[in-house]
């Protein structure tokens, strides 16, 4: 869906999963091998400002809004541009209560103004894609949701607030929020938006 709308230079999916055997890292990327080697050899993971921002945000990150905070971050961004990474990009980070994290990044050569308009159009799709990729990589069985949990998520998917959902279902706003919290726990995500995305991708609602 996303690629039909816009042309992107590169795409990267990174999953850092905490397991009983320790951290498990999975990386799928279309970046040139030369840049991948440079990134790994230079430990750029430690100075990548997008990685820094992703640790404290569950909202889509517009690369144009992320400014370098250290000389090392500035040098990293210059090197990334030199390797054809792209002048603009979007990263969606999915966090789980267990400490696992998944990041999906798409880059393009675009002006900040034009990219900002594109961001508004693709942010929801990229968030949805991140959830689908994360879920497919985990190879887990579908969680069981109660009838009420499915109802709550269904109305959330239609854009209803907790209060509006409560009025529709004849329950209190607090009860709706309780069910949302339970579904987030079952789906191992930290936000209602992520729970809805995973529920839809798993045909749970």
N, C-alpha and C. Protein backbone atom coordinates (compact mmCIF):
# COMPACT_ATOMS: atom_id res chain seq x y z
N UNK A 1 0.83 -1.20 0.00
CA UNK A 1 0.00 0.00 0.00
C UNK A 1 0.87 1.26 0.00
N UNK A 2 1.88 1.28 0.87
CA UNK A 2 2.73 2.45 1.00
C UNK A 2 3.53 2.68 -0.28
N UNK A 3 4.14 1.62 -0.80
CA UNK A 3 5.00 1.74 -1.97
C UNK A 3 4.22 2.11 -3.21
N UNK A 4 2.93 1.87 -3.22
CA UNK A 4 2.13 2.26 -4.36
C UNK A 4 1.92 3.76 -4.37
N UNK A 5 2.00 4.40 -3.23
CA UNK A 5 1.76 5.82 -3.13
C UNK A 5 3.01 6.64 -3.42
N UNK A 6 4.16 6.20 -2.91
CA UNK A 6 5.37 6.99 -3.00
C UNK A 6 6.56 6.11 -3.34
N UNK A 7 7.57 6.73 -3.91
CA UNK A 7 8.83 6.05 -4.17
C UNK A 7 9.79 6.34 -3.03
N UNK A 8 10.41 5.30 -2.47
CA UNK A 8 11.35 5.46 -1.39
C UNK A 8 12.72 4.96 -1.82
N UNK A 9 13.76 5.59 -1.26
CA UNK A 9 15.12 5.16 -1.55
C UNK A 9 15.43 3.85 -0.85
N UNK A 10 15.12 3.80 0.45
CA UNK A 10 15.49 2.64 1.25
C UNK A 10 14.44 2.35 2.30
N UNK A 11 14.44 1.10 2.75
CA UNK A 11 13.56 0.67 3.83
C UNK A 11 14.37 -0.21 4.78
N UNK A 12 14.12 -0.05 6.07
CA UNK A 12 14.83 -0.85 7.07
C UNK A 12 13.87 -1.29 8.16
N UNK A 13 13.92 -2.57 8.52
CA UNK A 13 13.15 -3.07 9.65
C UNK A 13 14.13 -3.69 10.65
N UNK A 14 14.12 -3.17 11.86
CA UNK A 14 15.01 -3.66 12.92
C UNK A 14 14.17 -4.10 14.10
N UNK A 15 14.42 -5.31 14.58
CA UNK A 15 13.71 -5.81 15.75
C UNK A 15 14.72 -6.23 16.80
N UNK A 16 14.56 -5.68 18.00
CA UNK A 16 15.40 -6.01 19.14
C UNK A 16 14.50 -6.66 20.18
N UNK A 17 14.52 -7.98 20.25
CA UNK A 17 13.60 -8.72 21.10
C UNK A 17 14.33 -9.28 22.31
N UNK A 18 13.72 -9.08 23.48
CA UNK A 18 14.25 -9.64 24.71
C UNK A 18 13.67 -11.03 24.93
N UNK A 19 14.50 -12.06 24.94
CA UNK A 19 14.05 -13.43 25.11
C UNK A 19 14.72 -14.03 26.35
N UNK A 20 14.28 -15.24 26.71
CA UNK A 20 14.88 -15.91 27.87
C UNK A 20 16.37 -16.17 27.65
N UNK A 21 16.75 -16.32 26.39
CA UNK A 21 18.16 -16.56 26.08
C UNK A 21 18.96 -15.30 25.87
N UNK A 22 18.33 -14.13 26.12
CA UNK A 22 19.02 -12.86 25.94
C UNK A 22 18.46 -12.11 24.74
N UNK A 23 19.08 -10.98 24.40
CA UNK A 23 18.58 -10.17 23.29
C UNK A 23 18.72 -10.87 21.95
N UNK A 24 17.70 -10.73 21.11
CA UNK A 24 17.70 -11.31 19.78
C UNK A 24 17.47 -10.19 18.77
N UNK A 25 18.43 -9.97 17.88
CA UNK A 25 18.36 -8.86 16.94
C UNK A 25 18.11 -9.38 15.53
N UNK A 26 17.16 -8.76 14.84
CA UNK A 26 16.87 -9.10 13.46
C UNK A 26 16.87 -7.82 12.63
N UNK A 27 17.54 -7.85 11.49
CA UNK A 27 17.65 -6.67 10.64
C UNK A 27 17.36 -7.04 9.19
N UNK A 28 16.45 -6.30 8.57
CA UNK A 28 16.17 -6.44 7.14
C UNK A 28 16.25 -5.05 6.54
N UNK A 29 17.10 -4.85 5.55
CA UNK A 29 17.30 -3.50 5.02
C UNK A 29 17.64 -3.54 3.53
N UNK A 30 17.33 -2.44 2.85
CA UNK A 30 17.70 -2.28 1.45
C UNK A 30 18.87 -1.31 1.30
N UNK A 31 19.46 -0.90 2.43
CA UNK A 31 20.61 0.00 2.35
C UNK A 31 21.76 -0.68 1.61
N UNK A 32 22.61 0.11 0.93
CA UNK A 32 23.79 -0.47 0.26
C UNK A 32 24.69 -1.18 1.28
N UNK A 33 25.28 -2.30 0.87
CA UNK A 33 26.12 -3.06 1.78
C UNK A 33 27.26 -2.21 2.33
N UNK A 34 27.76 -1.28 1.52
CA UNK A 34 28.85 -0.42 1.97
C UNK A 34 28.44 0.40 3.19
N UNK A 35 27.20 0.91 3.18
CA UNK A 35 26.72 1.70 4.31
C UNK A 35 26.45 0.81 5.52
N UNK A 36 25.93 -0.38 5.30
CA UNK A 36 25.70 -1.31 6.41
C UNK A 36 27.01 -1.64 7.10
N UNK A 37 28.05 -1.92 6.32
CA UNK A 37 29.36 -2.24 6.89
C UNK A 37 29.90 -1.05 7.68
N UNK A 38 29.76 0.15 7.12
CA UNK A 38 30.27 1.34 7.79
C UNK A 38 29.51 1.58 9.10
N UNK A 39 28.21 1.38 9.07
CA UNK A 39 27.36 1.58 10.25
C UNK A 39 27.79 0.65 11.38
N UNK A 40 28.01 -0.62 11.03
CA UNK A 40 28.39 -1.61 12.04
C UNK A 40 29.82 -1.41 12.53
N UNK A 41 30.74 -1.15 11.61
CA UNK A 41 32.15 -0.99 11.98
C UNK A 41 32.38 0.25 12.85
N UNK A 42 31.58 1.29 12.61
CA UNK A 42 31.74 2.55 13.34
C UNK A 42 30.87 2.64 14.58
N UNK A 43 30.15 1.54 14.90
CA UNK A 43 29.23 1.55 16.05
C UNK A 43 28.27 2.74 15.98
N UNK A 44 27.75 3.00 14.80
CA UNK A 44 26.86 4.14 14.62
C UNK A 44 25.55 3.99 15.40
N UNK A 45 25.24 2.78 15.82
CA UNK A 45 24.03 2.57 16.63
C UNK A 45 24.08 3.45 17.88
N UNK A 46 25.31 3.72 18.36
CA UNK A 46 25.48 4.50 19.60
C UNK A 46 25.27 5.99 19.38
N UNK A 47 25.39 6.48 18.13
CA UNK A 47 25.30 7.93 17.88
C UNK A 47 24.21 8.28 16.87
N UNK A 48 23.43 7.31 16.45
CA UNK A 48 22.35 7.55 15.50
C UNK A 48 21.23 8.33 16.20
N UNK A 49 20.96 9.58 15.81
CA UNK A 49 19.94 10.37 16.50
C UNK A 49 18.53 9.82 16.33
N UNK A 50 18.29 9.07 15.26
CA UNK A 50 16.97 8.47 15.07
C UNK A 50 16.76 7.36 16.10
N UNK A 51 17.80 6.58 16.35
CA UNK A 51 17.73 5.55 17.40
C UNK A 51 17.49 6.21 18.76
N UNK A 52 18.21 7.30 19.00
CA UNK A 52 18.03 8.03 20.27
C UNK A 52 16.59 8.47 20.43
N UNK A 53 16.04 9.06 19.39
CA UNK A 53 14.67 9.57 19.47
C UNK A 53 13.66 8.43 19.61
N UNK A 54 13.96 7.29 18.99
CA UNK A 54 13.01 6.18 19.01
C UNK A 54 12.87 5.56 20.39
N UNK A 55 13.85 5.77 21.27
CA UNK A 55 13.77 5.20 22.61
C UNK A 55 12.77 5.93 23.50
N UNK A 56 12.36 7.11 23.08
CA UNK A 56 11.47 7.90 23.93
C UNK A 56 10.20 8.36 23.21
N UNK A 57 9.89 7.73 22.09
CA UNK A 57 8.70 8.15 21.34
C UNK A 57 7.96 6.94 20.79
N UNK A 58 6.63 6.98 20.87
CA UNK A 58 5.80 5.95 20.24
C UNK A 58 5.07 6.52 19.03
N UNK A 59 5.34 7.79 18.73
CA UNK A 59 4.74 8.44 17.58
C UNK A 59 5.70 8.36 16.38
N UNK A 60 5.16 8.40 15.16
CA UNK A 60 6.05 8.40 13.99
C UNK A 60 7.05 9.54 14.05
N UNK A 61 8.30 9.24 13.75
CA UNK A 61 9.37 10.23 13.84
C UNK A 61 9.69 10.77 12.46
N UNK A 62 9.58 12.08 12.31
CA UNK A 62 9.96 12.75 11.08
C UNK A 62 11.44 13.10 11.17
N UNK A 63 12.26 12.51 10.31
CA UNK A 63 13.70 12.74 10.38
C UNK A 63 14.04 14.22 10.30
N UNK A 64 13.25 14.99 9.57
CA UNK A 64 13.52 16.41 9.41
C UNK A 64 13.40 17.17 10.73
N UNK A 65 12.69 16.58 11.70
CA UNK A 65 12.50 17.23 13.00
C UNK A 65 13.58 16.84 14.02
N UNK A 66 14.39 15.86 13.68
CA UNK A 66 15.41 15.37 14.62
C UNK A 66 16.73 16.09 14.34
N UNK A 67 17.19 16.89 15.30
CA UNK A 67 18.41 17.66 15.15
C UNK A 67 19.55 16.99 15.92
N UNK A 68 20.77 17.03 15.37
CA UNK A 68 21.91 16.44 16.09
C UNK A 68 22.20 17.19 17.38
N UNK A 69 22.49 16.46 18.44
CA UNK A 69 22.76 17.06 19.74
C UNK A 69 24.24 17.05 20.11
N UNK A 70 25.02 16.31 19.33
CA UNK A 70 26.46 16.22 19.60
C UNK A 70 27.21 16.28 18.27
N UNK A 71 28.51 16.60 18.31
CA UNK A 71 29.31 16.57 17.07
C UNK A 71 29.30 15.19 16.43
N UNK A 72 29.25 14.14 17.24
CA UNK A 72 29.23 12.78 16.70
C UNK A 72 27.95 12.52 15.91
N UNK A 73 26.84 13.01 16.41
CA UNK A 73 25.58 12.85 15.69
C UNK A 73 25.59 13.64 14.38
N UNK A 74 26.17 14.83 14.41
CA UNK A 74 26.27 15.64 13.20
C UNK A 74 27.11 14.93 12.15
N UNK A 75 28.25 14.38 12.57
CA UNK A 75 29.12 13.66 11.64
C UNK A 75 28.42 12.43 11.08
N UNK A 76 27.64 11.76 11.93
CA UNK A 76 26.89 10.59 11.47
C UNK A 76 25.91 10.96 10.36
N UNK A 77 25.16 12.04 10.56
CA UNK A 77 24.18 12.45 9.56
C UNK A 77 24.85 12.83 8.24
N UNK A 78 26.00 13.47 8.32
CA UNK A 78 26.73 13.82 7.10
C UNK A 78 27.19 12.56 6.37
N UNK A 79 27.67 11.58 7.12
CA UNK A 79 28.14 10.33 6.53
C UNK A 79 26.98 9.57 5.91
N UNK A 80 25.83 9.57 6.60
CA UNK A 80 24.65 8.88 6.07
C UNK A 80 24.22 9.49 4.75
N UNK A 81 24.22 10.82 4.70
CA UNK A 81 23.84 11.50 3.45
C UNK A 81 24.81 11.15 2.33
N UNK A 82 26.10 11.10 2.66
CA UNK A 82 27.12 10.78 1.66
C UNK A 82 26.96 9.37 1.11
N UNK A 83 26.38 8.48 1.91
CA UNK A 83 26.17 7.10 1.47
C UNK A 83 24.80 6.89 0.83
N UNK A 84 24.07 7.97 0.56
CA UNK A 84 22.81 7.85 -0.16
C UNK A 84 21.63 7.38 0.66
N UNK A 85 21.69 7.64 1.98
CA UNK A 85 20.59 7.20 2.84
C UNK A 85 19.30 7.96 2.52
N UNK A 86 19.40 9.24 2.18
CA UNK A 86 18.21 10.03 1.91
C UNK A 86 18.14 11.23 2.83
N UNK A 87 17.63 12.32 2.32
CA UNK A 87 17.58 13.56 3.09
C UNK A 87 16.39 13.62 4.04
N UNK A 88 15.38 12.79 3.80
CA UNK A 88 14.18 12.78 4.64
C UNK A 88 13.81 11.34 4.95
N UNK A 89 13.05 11.17 6.01
CA UNK A 89 12.65 9.80 6.35
C UNK A 89 11.61 9.77 7.45
N UNK A 90 11.06 8.60 7.66
CA UNK A 90 10.10 8.36 8.74
C UNK A 90 10.51 7.09 9.44
N UNK A 91 10.44 7.10 10.75
CA UNK A 91 10.69 5.91 11.56
C UNK A 91 9.55 5.73 12.54
N UNK A 92 9.03 4.54 12.61
CA UNK A 92 8.01 4.20 13.61
C UNK A 92 8.62 3.17 14.54
N UNK A 93 8.56 3.45 15.83
CA UNK A 93 9.11 2.54 16.84
C UNK A 93 7.97 1.91 17.64
N UNK A 94 8.00 0.61 17.73
CA UNK A 94 7.01 -0.14 18.51
C UNK A 94 7.72 -0.68 19.75
N UNK A 95 7.20 -0.33 20.93
CA UNK A 95 7.79 -0.76 22.20
C UNK A 95 6.86 -1.76 22.88
N UNK A 96 7.42 -2.74 23.57
CA UNK A 96 6.61 -3.71 24.31
C UNK A 96 6.98 -3.66 25.78
N UNK A 97 6.07 -4.08 26.66
CA UNK A 97 6.36 -4.07 28.09
C UNK A 97 7.57 -4.92 28.47
N UNK A 98 7.90 -5.93 27.66
CA UNK A 98 9.03 -6.81 27.96
C UNK A 98 10.37 -6.19 27.61
N UNK A 99 10.34 -5.02 26.96
CA UNK A 99 11.59 -4.37 26.58
C UNK A 99 11.97 -4.57 25.14
N UNK A 100 11.19 -5.35 24.40
CA UNK A 100 11.47 -5.55 22.99
C UNK A 100 11.09 -4.29 22.21
N UNK A 101 11.74 -4.12 21.05
CA UNK A 101 11.49 -2.93 20.25
C UNK A 101 11.62 -3.27 18.77
N UNK A 102 10.75 -2.68 17.97
CA UNK A 102 10.81 -2.85 16.52
C UNK A 102 10.78 -1.48 15.88
N UNK A 103 11.61 -1.28 14.86
CA UNK A 103 11.66 -0.01 14.16
C UNK A 103 11.54 -0.23 12.65
N UNK A 104 10.68 0.53 12.03
CA UNK A 104 10.56 0.52 10.57
C UNK A 104 10.88 1.91 10.07
N UNK A 105 11.85 2.02 9.16
CA UNK A 105 12.26 3.31 8.61
C UNK A 105 12.15 3.29 7.09
N UNK A 106 11.66 4.39 6.54
CA UNK A 106 11.60 4.59 5.10
C UNK A 106 12.24 5.94 4.80
N UNK A 107 13.08 6.00 3.78
CA UNK A 107 13.77 7.24 3.46
C UNK A 107 13.50 7.67 2.03
N UNK A 108 13.65 8.97 1.80
CA UNK A 108 13.44 9.53 0.46
C UNK A 108 14.27 10.79 0.32
N UNK A 109 14.50 11.22 -0.91
CA UNK A 109 15.13 12.51 -1.18
C UNK A 109 14.02 13.52 -1.42
N UNK A 110 13.80 14.37 -0.43
CA UNK A 110 12.69 15.30 -0.50
C UNK A 110 13.01 16.53 0.33
N UNK A 111 12.40 17.65 0.03
CA UNK A 111 12.54 18.84 0.85
C UNK A 111 11.74 18.65 2.13
N UNK A 112 12.12 19.41 3.16
CA UNK A 112 11.44 19.27 4.45
C UNK A 112 9.95 19.56 4.33
N UNK A 113 9.60 20.60 3.56
CA UNK A 113 8.19 20.96 3.43
C UNK A 113 7.38 19.90 2.71
N UNK A 114 7.90 19.41 1.60
CA UNK A 114 7.19 18.37 0.84
C UNK A 114 7.10 17.09 1.65
N UNK A 115 8.18 16.75 2.32
CA UNK A 115 8.17 15.53 3.12
C UNK A 115 7.18 15.61 4.27
N UNK A 116 7.04 16.80 4.87
CA UNK A 116 6.08 16.96 5.95
C UNK A 116 4.67 16.63 5.51
N UNK A 117 4.32 17.04 4.29
CA UNK A 117 2.97 16.74 3.76
C UNK A 117 2.82 15.25 3.49
N UNK A 118 3.88 14.63 2.99
CA UNK A 118 3.82 13.19 2.75
C UNK A 118 3.70 12.42 4.06
N UNK A 119 4.41 12.90 5.08
CA UNK A 119 4.35 12.24 6.39
C UNK A 119 2.92 12.13 6.89
N UNK A 120 2.15 13.19 6.72
CA UNK A 120 0.78 13.19 7.18
C UNK A 120 -0.05 12.11 6.48
N UNK A 121 0.31 11.81 5.23
CA UNK A 121 -0.46 10.85 4.46
C UNK A 121 -0.05 9.40 4.71
N UNK A 122 1.20 9.17 5.10
CA UNK A 122 1.69 7.80 5.20
C UNK A 122 1.92 7.32 6.63
N UNK A 123 1.87 8.23 7.62
CA UNK A 123 2.22 7.87 9.00
C UNK A 123 1.39 6.69 9.51
N UNK A 124 0.09 6.71 9.26
CA UNK A 124 -0.77 5.63 9.76
C UNK A 124 -0.42 4.31 9.08
N UNK A 125 -0.15 4.35 7.78
CA UNK A 125 0.20 3.13 7.05
C UNK A 125 1.52 2.54 7.54
N UNK A 126 2.49 3.41 7.79
CA UNK A 126 3.79 2.94 8.25
C UNK A 126 3.67 2.34 9.65
N UNK A 127 2.85 2.95 10.51
CA UNK A 127 2.62 2.40 11.84
C UNK A 127 1.99 1.01 11.75
N UNK A 128 1.01 0.88 10.88
CA UNK A 128 0.35 -0.40 10.67
C UNK A 128 1.33 -1.44 10.15
N UNK A 129 2.17 -1.04 9.21
CA UNK A 129 3.16 -1.96 8.63
C UNK A 129 4.16 -2.42 9.68
N UNK A 130 4.54 -1.52 10.59
CA UNK A 130 5.48 -1.88 11.65
C UNK A 130 4.90 -2.98 12.53
N UNK A 131 3.64 -2.84 12.88
CA UNK A 131 2.98 -3.84 13.71
C UNK A 131 2.89 -5.19 12.98
N UNK A 132 2.57 -5.15 11.70
CA UNK A 132 2.46 -6.39 10.93
C UNK A 132 3.82 -7.09 10.87
N UNK A 133 4.88 -6.34 10.57
CA UNK A 133 6.21 -6.92 10.47
C UNK A 133 6.67 -7.49 11.80
N UNK A 134 6.43 -6.75 12.87
CA UNK A 134 6.83 -7.22 14.20
C UNK A 134 6.11 -8.52 14.54
N UNK A 135 4.81 -8.54 14.28
CA UNK A 135 4.03 -9.72 14.62
C UNK A 135 4.46 -10.93 13.78
N UNK A 136 4.73 -10.71 12.50
CA UNK A 136 5.12 -11.82 11.64
C UNK A 136 6.48 -12.39 12.03
N UNK A 137 7.37 -11.54 12.56
CA UNK A 137 8.70 -12.00 12.94
C UNK A 137 8.70 -12.77 14.25
N UNK A 138 7.71 -12.56 15.05
CA UNK A 138 7.69 -13.21 16.36
C UNK A 138 7.19 -14.66 16.27
N UNK A 139 6.46 -15.00 15.20
CA UNK A 139 5.97 -16.37 15.01
C UNK A 139 5.20 -16.88 16.24
N UNK A 140 4.33 -16.06 16.71
CA UNK A 140 3.58 -16.46 17.89
C UNK A 140 2.14 -16.81 17.52
N UNK A 141 1.49 -17.57 18.39
CA UNK A 141 0.08 -17.90 18.16
C UNK A 141 -0.78 -16.68 18.49
N UNK A 142 -1.97 -16.65 17.93
CA UNK A 142 -2.85 -15.51 18.17
C UNK A 142 -3.33 -15.49 19.62
N UNK A 143 -3.27 -14.33 20.28
CA UNK A 143 -3.77 -14.24 21.64
C UNK A 143 -5.30 -14.31 21.64
N UNK A 144 -5.84 -14.74 22.74
CA UNK A 144 -7.29 -14.85 22.88
C UNK A 144 -7.83 -13.57 23.50
N UNK A 145 -8.75 -12.91 22.80
CA UNK A 145 -9.40 -11.72 23.34
C UNK A 145 -10.84 -12.06 23.69
N UNK A 146 -11.34 -11.46 24.77
CA UNK A 146 -12.74 -11.67 25.13
C UNK A 146 -13.64 -10.91 24.17
N UNK A 147 -14.93 -11.23 24.23
CA UNK A 147 -15.89 -10.54 23.37
C UNK A 147 -15.87 -9.04 23.64
N UNK A 148 -15.82 -8.64 24.90
CA UNK A 148 -15.82 -7.22 25.24
C UNK A 148 -14.54 -6.54 24.79
N UNK A 149 -13.41 -7.22 24.89
CA UNK A 149 -12.14 -6.65 24.43
C UNK A 149 -12.17 -6.41 22.93
N UNK A 150 -12.77 -7.36 22.19
CA UNK A 150 -12.89 -7.18 20.75
C UNK A 150 -13.81 -6.02 20.41
N UNK A 151 -14.89 -5.89 21.17
CA UNK A 151 -15.82 -4.78 20.93
C UNK A 151 -15.13 -3.43 21.16
N UNK A 152 -14.39 -3.34 22.25
CA UNK A 152 -13.70 -2.09 22.58
C UNK A 152 -12.69 -1.72 21.50
N UNK A 153 -11.92 -2.70 21.05
CA UNK A 153 -10.93 -2.42 20.01
C UNK A 153 -11.60 -2.09 18.67
N UNK A 154 -12.72 -2.72 18.40
CA UNK A 154 -13.43 -2.45 17.15
C UNK A 154 -13.88 -1.00 17.09
N UNK A 155 -14.42 -0.49 18.20
CA UNK A 155 -14.85 0.91 18.21
C UNK A 155 -13.66 1.85 18.23
N UNK A 156 -12.57 1.43 18.87
CA UNK A 156 -11.35 2.25 18.83
C UNK A 156 -10.82 2.35 17.41
N UNK A 157 -10.91 1.26 16.66
CA UNK A 157 -10.46 1.26 15.26
C UNK A 157 -11.30 2.21 14.41
N UNK A 158 -12.53 2.47 14.86
CA UNK A 158 -13.41 3.39 14.13
C UNK A 158 -13.24 4.82 14.61
N UNK A 159 -12.24 5.05 15.48
CA UNK A 159 -11.93 6.40 15.92
C UNK A 159 -12.69 6.88 17.14
N UNK A 160 -13.37 5.97 17.83
CA UNK A 160 -14.14 6.37 19.01
C UNK A 160 -13.23 6.49 20.23
N UNK A 161 -13.50 7.50 21.04
CA UNK A 161 -12.76 7.67 22.29
C UNK A 161 -13.27 6.68 23.33
N UNK A 162 -12.57 6.59 24.46
CA UNK A 162 -13.00 5.69 25.53
C UNK A 162 -14.39 6.08 26.03
N UNK A 163 -14.64 7.38 26.15
CA UNK A 163 -15.95 7.84 26.61
C UNK A 163 -17.04 7.47 25.61
N UNK A 164 -16.78 7.72 24.30
CA UNK A 164 -17.76 7.41 23.28
C UNK A 164 -18.04 5.91 23.22
N UNK A 165 -16.98 5.10 23.34
CA UNK A 165 -17.16 3.65 23.33
C UNK A 165 -18.01 3.20 24.50
N UNK A 166 -17.76 3.82 25.66
CA UNK A 166 -18.56 3.49 26.83
C UNK A 166 -20.04 3.79 26.64
N UNK A 167 -20.33 4.94 26.01
CA UNK A 167 -21.73 5.29 25.74
C UNK A 167 -22.38 4.29 24.79
N UNK A 168 -21.63 3.86 23.79
CA UNK A 168 -22.16 2.91 22.80
C UNK A 168 -22.43 1.55 23.43
N UNK A 169 -21.50 1.09 24.28
CA UNK A 169 -21.60 -0.26 24.86
C UNK A 169 -22.36 -0.28 26.18
N UNK A 170 -22.66 0.90 26.71
CA UNK A 170 -23.38 0.95 27.98
C UNK A 170 -22.52 0.62 29.18
N UNK A 171 -21.24 0.95 29.11
CA UNK A 171 -20.32 0.73 30.23
C UNK A 171 -19.58 2.03 30.50
N UNK A 172 -18.88 2.08 31.62
CA UNK A 172 -18.19 3.32 31.98
C UNK A 172 -16.91 3.51 31.18
N UNK A 173 -16.44 4.76 31.13
CA UNK A 173 -15.18 5.06 30.46
C UNK A 173 -14.03 4.30 31.13
N UNK A 174 -14.08 4.21 32.45
CA UNK A 174 -13.03 3.50 33.18
C UNK A 174 -12.99 2.02 32.80
N UNK A 175 -14.17 1.43 32.61
CA UNK A 175 -14.22 0.02 32.20
C UNK A 175 -13.63 -0.16 30.81
N UNK A 176 -13.93 0.78 29.92
CA UNK A 176 -13.35 0.72 28.56
C UNK A 176 -11.83 0.79 28.66
N UNK A 177 -11.33 1.72 29.45
CA UNK A 177 -9.88 1.87 29.60
C UNK A 177 -9.25 0.62 30.21
N UNK A 178 -10.00 -0.04 31.10
CA UNK A 178 -9.53 -1.29 31.70
C UNK A 178 -9.36 -2.36 30.63
N UNK A 179 -10.34 -2.47 29.74
CA UNK A 179 -10.27 -3.48 28.68
C UNK A 179 -9.14 -3.16 27.69
N UNK A 180 -8.94 -1.88 27.40
CA UNK A 180 -7.85 -1.48 26.51
C UNK A 180 -6.51 -1.87 27.12
N UNK A 181 -6.36 -1.62 28.41
CA UNK A 181 -5.11 -1.97 29.10
C UNK A 181 -4.88 -3.48 29.06
N UNK A 182 -5.93 -4.25 29.23
CA UNK A 182 -5.81 -5.72 29.18
C UNK A 182 -5.39 -6.19 27.80
N UNK A 183 -5.99 -5.61 26.76
CA UNK A 183 -5.64 -6.03 25.41
C UNK A 183 -4.20 -5.64 25.07
N UNK A 184 -3.76 -4.50 25.56
CA UNK A 184 -2.36 -4.10 25.33
C UNK A 184 -1.42 -5.13 25.97
N UNK A 185 -1.79 -5.62 27.14
CA UNK A 185 -0.97 -6.63 27.79
C UNK A 185 -0.95 -7.93 27.02
N UNK A 186 -2.10 -8.35 26.54
CA UNK A 186 -2.19 -9.60 25.79
C UNK A 186 -1.43 -9.52 24.46
N UNK A 187 -1.50 -8.35 23.82
CA UNK A 187 -0.85 -8.18 22.53
C UNK A 187 0.60 -7.72 22.67
N UNK A 188 1.00 -7.45 23.92
CA UNK A 188 2.39 -7.04 24.23
C UNK A 188 2.78 -5.76 23.51
N UNK A 189 1.90 -4.76 23.60
CA UNK A 189 2.18 -3.44 23.07
C UNK A 189 1.89 -2.42 24.17
N UNK A 190 2.21 -1.15 23.90
CA UNK A 190 2.08 -0.15 24.96
C UNK A 190 1.07 0.96 24.66
N UNK A 191 0.39 0.88 23.52
CA UNK A 191 -0.59 1.92 23.20
C UNK A 191 -1.82 1.32 22.54
N UNK A 192 -2.93 2.06 22.63
CA UNK A 192 -4.18 1.62 22.01
C UNK A 192 -4.04 1.53 20.49
N UNK A 193 -3.32 2.48 19.91
CA UNK A 193 -3.12 2.48 18.45
C UNK A 193 -2.42 1.21 17.99
N UNK A 194 -1.37 0.82 18.71
CA UNK A 194 -0.63 -0.39 18.38
C UNK A 194 -1.49 -1.63 18.59
N UNK A 195 -2.31 -1.62 19.64
CA UNK A 195 -3.19 -2.76 19.91
C UNK A 195 -4.20 -2.93 18.78
N UNK A 196 -4.77 -1.82 18.30
CA UNK A 196 -5.71 -1.89 17.19
C UNK A 196 -5.05 -2.42 15.94
N UNK A 197 -3.84 -1.93 15.64
CA UNK A 197 -3.13 -2.36 14.44
C UNK A 197 -2.85 -3.87 14.47
N UNK A 198 -2.38 -4.36 15.61
CA UNK A 198 -2.09 -5.78 15.72
C UNK A 198 -3.36 -6.62 15.68
N UNK A 199 -4.41 -6.13 16.30
CA UNK A 199 -5.68 -6.86 16.30
C UNK A 199 -6.22 -6.98 14.87
N UNK A 200 -6.11 -5.91 14.10
CA UNK A 200 -6.58 -5.94 12.71
C UNK A 200 -5.71 -6.88 11.88
N UNK A 201 -4.37 -6.79 12.05
CA UNK A 201 -3.47 -7.63 11.26
C UNK A 201 -3.63 -9.10 11.58
N UNK A 202 -4.10 -9.42 12.79
CA UNK A 202 -4.30 -10.81 13.20
C UNK A 202 -5.74 -11.27 13.01
N UNK A 203 -6.55 -10.41 12.41
CA UNK A 203 -7.99 -10.72 12.20
C UNK A 203 -8.70 -11.03 13.51
N UNK A 204 -8.28 -10.31 14.56
CA UNK A 204 -8.94 -10.48 15.86
C UNK A 204 -10.18 -9.62 15.97
N UNK A 205 -10.25 -8.59 15.14
CA UNK A 205 -11.46 -7.75 15.10
C UNK A 205 -11.83 -7.51 13.64
